[in-house]
Amino acid sequence: MASLEKPPVVTTNVKWRWPSVHPDGRKFVLIAAVLAFVFTFFIWDELGFALIGLTVWVAAFFRDPIRSVPQREGLVIAPADGLITLIQAVAPPRELAGPDGLGDAPLVRVSIFMSVFDVHINRSPIAGTIRNVVYISGKFLNADLDKASEDNERQHFLVEGEGVRIGFTQIAGLVARRIVPFVKPGDVVGRGQRVGLIRFGSRVDVYLPAGTVPRVALGQRTIAGETIIAKIGETEAAIGVPQ
């Protein structure tokens, strides 16, 4: 006779809720809202209506949704929302290379392009300790270009945990003009923890450890803090089929 006892798995209903606006973006929302109010009621109402739309967009840009982060050891989680546009083996950035960093041998780099409609809060791909944060001023080329990883304004992170080191880089794009870190060297972070944001369109590169290939494919969309882009030590790559 089959058991009538409840299964050991505890389940709950999950309800959608409006994402909050990150504190770093609230001043921009306030500025846009004040301009919209002034133009709508005192200067030029047609432009005011356009500014109301701009206020909504700015609030949406700085949205900071809650994410359900997979916590199994060895998982590498997407640090950004967006589209995977490049997967290639390249030498690590010189700021992260060397014996105290990622080494000098080529590593698989996964590039995630964020449009101005994506969430721009970035998260740590693994749990560990932030060993280095390096900011580099630069150009503002299209972040979708390969050379953007060397020419554009960018910020490198090196995190060490679970027996490996992983580097990831925030890269400013055509519209982005500010990279904001939330962490510093020595900070201990959890997998999927918020580590920074880029204002107004950009890209994030992730350098996977040696002997690890991505589980994701070109053209796939990722969700920061949720999408598993690799498992450390896994050597069978994913193949994407457009449908």
Protein backbone atom coordinates (compact mmCIF):
# COMPACT_ATOMS: atom_id res chain seq x y z
CA MET A 1 0.00 0.00 0.00
CA ALA A 2 1.39 3.36 -1.00
CA SER A 3 2.35 5.70 1.82
CA LEU A 4 0.01 8.59 2.47
CA GLU A 5 2.64 10.64 4.27
CA LYS A 6 3.65 13.98 2.82
CA PRO A 7 6.93 14.06 0.88
CA PRO A 8 9.95 15.51 2.73
CA VAL A 9 10.27 18.35 0.23
CA VAL A 10 8.83 21.61 1.59
CA THR A 11 7.09 23.70 -1.05
CA THR A 12 5.62 27.19 -0.89
CA ASN A 13 3.82 29.47 -3.27
CA VAL A 14 6.02 32.20 -4.77
CA LYS A 15 4.33 35.45 -5.69
CA TRP A 16 5.64 38.04 -8.12
CA ARG A 17 6.40 41.44 -6.65
CA TRP A 18 7.60 44.77 -7.98
CA PRO A 19 11.41 44.94 -7.85
CA SER A 20 12.85 47.71 -5.73
CA VAL A 21 15.00 50.52 -7.13
CA HIS A 22 18.62 50.26 -6.09
CA PRO A 23 19.74 53.12 -3.78
CA ASP A 24 22.40 54.20 -6.30
CA GLY A 25 19.66 54.93 -8.82
CA ARG A 26 17.12 56.71 -6.63
CA LYS A 27 18.66 60.15 -7.12
CA PHE A 28 18.39 59.72 -10.91
CA VAL A 29 14.75 58.73 -10.60
CA LEU A 30 14.11 61.76 -8.37
CA ILE A 31 15.80 64.15 -10.82
CA ALA A 32 13.76 62.78 -13.73
CA ALA A 33 10.55 62.95 -11.70
CA VAL A 34 11.14 66.58 -10.66
CA LEU A 35 11.83 67.59 -14.27
CA ALA A 36 8.70 65.77 -15.40
CA PHE A 37 6.60 67.56 -12.77
CA VAL A 38 7.99 71.02 -13.60
CA PHE A 39 7.57 70.65 -17.37
CA THR A 40 4.11 69.04 -17.14
CA PHE A 41 2.55 71.70 -14.93
CA PHE A 42 4.58 74.87 -15.55
CA ILE A 43 6.48 74.86 -18.84
CA TRP A 44 5.53 72.48 -21.65
CA ASP A 45 3.15 69.63 -20.89
CA GLU A 46 3.96 67.61 -24.03
CA LEU A 47 7.62 67.44 -23.05
CA GLY A 48 6.50 66.75 -19.50
CA PHE A 49 4.66 63.62 -20.65
CA ALA A 50 7.83 62.45 -22.38
CA LEU A 51 9.77 63.07 -19.17
CA ILE A 52 7.24 60.97 -17.25
CA GLY A 53 8.09 58.12 -19.60
CA LEU A 54 11.78 58.79 -19.02
CA THR A 55 11.22 58.63 -15.25
CA VAL A 56 9.59 55.22 -15.58
CA TRP A 57 12.47 53.99 -17.74
CA VAL A 58 15.12 55.24 -15.30
CA ALA A 59 13.31 53.49 -12.42
CA ALA A 60 13.17 50.30 -14.48
CA PHE A 61 16.87 50.57 -15.38
CA PHE A 62 17.92 50.66 -11.73
CA ARG A 63 15.54 47.89 -10.66
CA ASP A 64 17.06 45.37 -8.28
CA PRO A 65 14.99 42.17 -8.33
CA ILE A 66 15.38 39.33 -5.86
CA ARG A 67 17.05 36.30 -7.42
CA SER A 68 16.94 32.62 -6.42
CA VAL A 69 20.64 31.65 -6.43
CA PRO A 70 21.70 27.98 -6.90
CA GLN A 71 24.06 27.11 -4.05
CA ARG A 72 25.64 23.76 -5.01
CA GLU A 73 29.44 23.78 -4.72
CA GLY A 74 31.30 24.12 -8.01
CA LEU A 75 28.63 26.08 -9.84
CA VAL A 76 29.60 29.25 -11.69
CA ILE A 77 26.64 31.64 -11.86
CA ALA A 78 26.04 34.37 -14.44
CA PRO A 79 27.17 37.75 -13.08
CA ALA A 80 24.89 39.73 -15.40
CA ASP A 81 21.54 39.75 -17.17
CA GLY A 82 21.90 39.83 -20.92
CA LEU A 83 22.85 38.08 -24.15
CA ILE A 84 25.89 35.84 -24.54
CA THR A 85 27.66 37.34 -27.54
CA LEU A 86 31.17 35.87 -27.31
CA ILE A 87 32.69 32.61 -26.07
CA GLN A 88 36.39 32.27 -26.83
CA ALA A 89 39.74 31.26 -25.37
CA VAL A 90 41.86 34.35 -24.67
CA ALA A 91 44.74 35.39 -22.45
CA PRO A 92 43.50 36.82 -19.13
CA PRO A 93 43.74 40.62 -18.69
CA ARG A 94 47.21 41.67 -17.58
CA GLU A 95 45.68 43.20 -14.44
CA LEU A 96 44.43 39.73 -13.42
CA ALA A 97 47.27 37.63 -14.85
CA GLY A 98 50.31 36.20 -13.11
CA PRO A 99 50.88 33.69 -10.29
CA ASP A 100 48.74 35.65 -7.82
CA GLY A 101 45.91 35.94 -10.31
CA LEU A 102 44.57 33.86 -13.17
CA GLY A 103 47.97 32.80 -14.53
CA ASP A 104 49.12 33.48 -18.07
CA ALA A 105 47.63 30.60 -20.08
CA PRO A 106 44.52 31.25 -22.22
CA LEU A 107 41.17 30.80 -20.46
CA VAL A 108 37.63 30.52 -21.77
CA ARG A 109 35.96 33.92 -21.65
CA VAL A 110 32.18 34.24 -21.68
CA SER A 111 30.93 37.71 -22.62
CA ILE A 112 27.45 38.88 -21.61
CA PHE A 113 26.09 42.01 -23.31
CA MET A 114 23.59 44.08 -21.35
CA SER A 115 21.23 46.35 -23.26
CA VAL A 116 19.71 49.42 -21.64
CA PHE A 117 16.61 47.32 -20.92
CA ASP A 118 18.43 44.68 -18.85
CA VAL A 119 18.98 44.71 -15.08
CA HIS A 120 22.42 46.26 -14.51
CA ILE A 121 23.17 45.00 -11.01
CA ASN A 122 26.10 42.57 -11.28
CA ARG A 123 26.72 39.59 -9.00
CA SER A 124 29.61 37.35 -7.98
CA PRO A 125 29.78 34.11 -10.00
CA ILE A 126 31.13 32.08 -7.05
CA ALA A 127 31.40 32.32 -3.27
CA GLY A 128 34.78 33.38 -1.93
CA THR A 129 37.04 36.29 -1.09
CA ILE A 130 37.58 39.31 -3.32
CA ARG A 131 41.34 39.31 -3.93
CA ASN A 132 41.57 42.27 -6.27
CA VAL A 133 39.50 45.08 -7.76
CA VAL A 134 41.14 47.12 -10.54
CA TYR A 135 39.49 50.12 -12.24
CA ILE A 136 40.81 51.28 -15.64
CA SER A 137 39.63 54.40 -17.43
CA GLY A 138 39.18 54.11 -21.17
CA LYS A 139 37.01 54.67 -24.21
CA PHE A 140 33.29 54.12 -24.66
CA LEU A 141 33.14 51.91 -27.75
CA ASN A 142 30.23 49.59 -28.47
CA ALA A 143 30.49 47.01 -25.63
CA ASP A 144 29.46 44.30 -28.10
CA LEU A 145 32.82 44.59 -29.88
CA ASP A 146 35.65 42.22 -28.97
CA LYS A 147 38.17 45.06 -28.56
CA ALA A 148 35.96 46.70 -25.93
CA SER A 149 37.55 44.37 -23.36
CA GLU A 150 40.88 46.14 -23.93
CA ASP A 151 39.93 49.69 -24.91
CA ASN A 152 36.84 50.63 -22.89
CA GLU A 153 36.47 51.87 -19.34
CA ARG A 154 36.37 48.71 -17.22
CA GLN A 155 36.70 47.23 -13.77
CA HIS A 156 38.26 43.85 -13.02
CA PHE A 157 37.38 41.59 -10.09
CA LEU A 158 39.33 38.58 -8.89
CA VAL A 159 37.48 36.26 -6.51
CA GLU A 160 38.99 33.16 -4.90
CA GLY A 161 36.90 30.37 -3.47
CA GLU A 162 36.11 26.65 -3.69
CA GLY A 163 39.72 25.95 -4.66
CA VAL A 164 39.75 28.18 -7.77
CA ARG A 165 40.14 31.79 -8.84
CA ILE A 166 37.69 33.40 -11.22
CA GLY A 167 38.03 36.79 -12.84
CA PHE A 168 35.22 38.89 -14.21
CA THR A 169 35.17 42.33 -15.75
CA GLN A 170 32.57 45.09 -15.95
CA ILE A 171 32.96 46.95 -19.26
CA ALA A 172 31.34 50.30 -20.03
CA GLY A 173 29.59 50.69 -23.38
CA LEU A 174 28.42 53.44 -25.73
CA VAL A 175 25.98 54.89 -23.22
CA ALA A 176 27.53 53.76 -19.94
CA ARG A 177 29.59 56.40 -18.19
CA ARG A 178 30.03 55.08 -14.68
CA ILE A 179 31.03 51.78 -13.09
CA VAL A 180 30.13 51.48 -9.41
CA PRO A 181 31.68 48.75 -7.18
CA PHE A 182 29.96 47.50 -4.03
CA VAL A 183 32.93 45.47 -2.76
CA LYS A 184 36.66 45.88 -2.11
CA PRO A 185 39.65 43.54 -1.75
CA GLY A 186 39.32 41.35 1.32
CA ASP A 187 35.52 41.26 1.30
CA VAL A 188 33.92 37.82 1.56
CA VAL A 189 31.05 37.35 -0.89
CA GLY A 190 28.44 34.70 -1.42
CA ARG A 191 27.59 33.13 -4.74
CA GLY A 192 25.21 35.51 -6.49
CA GLN A 193 25.91 38.41 -4.11
CA ARG A 194 25.65 41.91 -5.57
CA VAL A 195 29.13 43.32 -6.32
CA GLY A 196 28.50 46.38 -8.50
CA LEU A 197 26.55 48.03 -11.28
CA ILE A 198 27.18 49.77 -14.58
CA ARG A 199 25.03 52.73 -15.56
CA PHE A 200 23.25 52.65 -18.91
CA GLY A 201 24.35 49.76 -21.15
CA SER A 202 27.46 47.61 -20.92
CA ARG A 203 29.04 44.14 -20.85
CA VAL A 204 30.47 41.66 -18.34
CA ASP A 205 33.23 39.14 -19.16
CA VAL A 206 33.78 36.00 -17.07
CA TYR A 207 37.07 34.06 -17.22
CA LEU A 208 36.43 30.40 -16.39
CA PRO A 209 39.07 28.33 -14.57
CA ALA A 210 41.38 26.08 -16.61
CA GLY A 211 39.74 22.76 -17.43
CA THR A 212 36.22 24.21 -17.34
CA VAL A 213 33.97 24.82 -20.32
CA PRO A 214 30.69 26.75 -20.38
CA ARG A 215 27.27 25.20 -20.05
CA VAL A 216 25.80 28.08 -22.02
CA ALA A 217 25.81 28.80 -25.74
CA LEU A 218 26.09 31.83 -28.01
CA GLY A 219 22.80 33.69 -28.29
CA GLN A 220 21.51 32.42 -24.95
CA ARG A 221 20.12 34.91 -22.45
CA THR A 222 21.33 34.83 -18.87
CA ILE A 223 19.83 35.95 -15.56
CA ALA A 224 22.33 37.29 -13.03
CA GLY A 225 22.49 35.17 -9.91
CA GLU A 226 20.39 32.36 -11.42
CA THR A 227 21.75 31.07 -14.73
CA ILE A 228 24.43 28.40 -14.32
CA ILE A 229 27.09 29.21 -16.92
CA ALA A 230 29.58 26.48 -15.92
CA LYS A 231 30.45 23.80 -13.38
CA ILE A 232 34.07 23.79 -12.23
CA GLY A 233 35.94 20.90 -13.82
CA GLU A 234 33.20 20.10 -16.33
CA THR A 235 34.69 19.61 -19.81
CA GLU A 236 31.64 18.95 -21.98
CA ALA A 237 30.50 22.16 -23.65
CA ALA A 238 26.89 23.06 -24.37
CA ILE A 239 25.74 23.45 -27.96
CA GLY A 240 22.98 25.90 -28.79
CA VAL A 241 20.48 25.24 -31.57
CA PRO A 242 18.45 28.25 -32.82
CA GLN A 243 14.74 27.41 -33.02
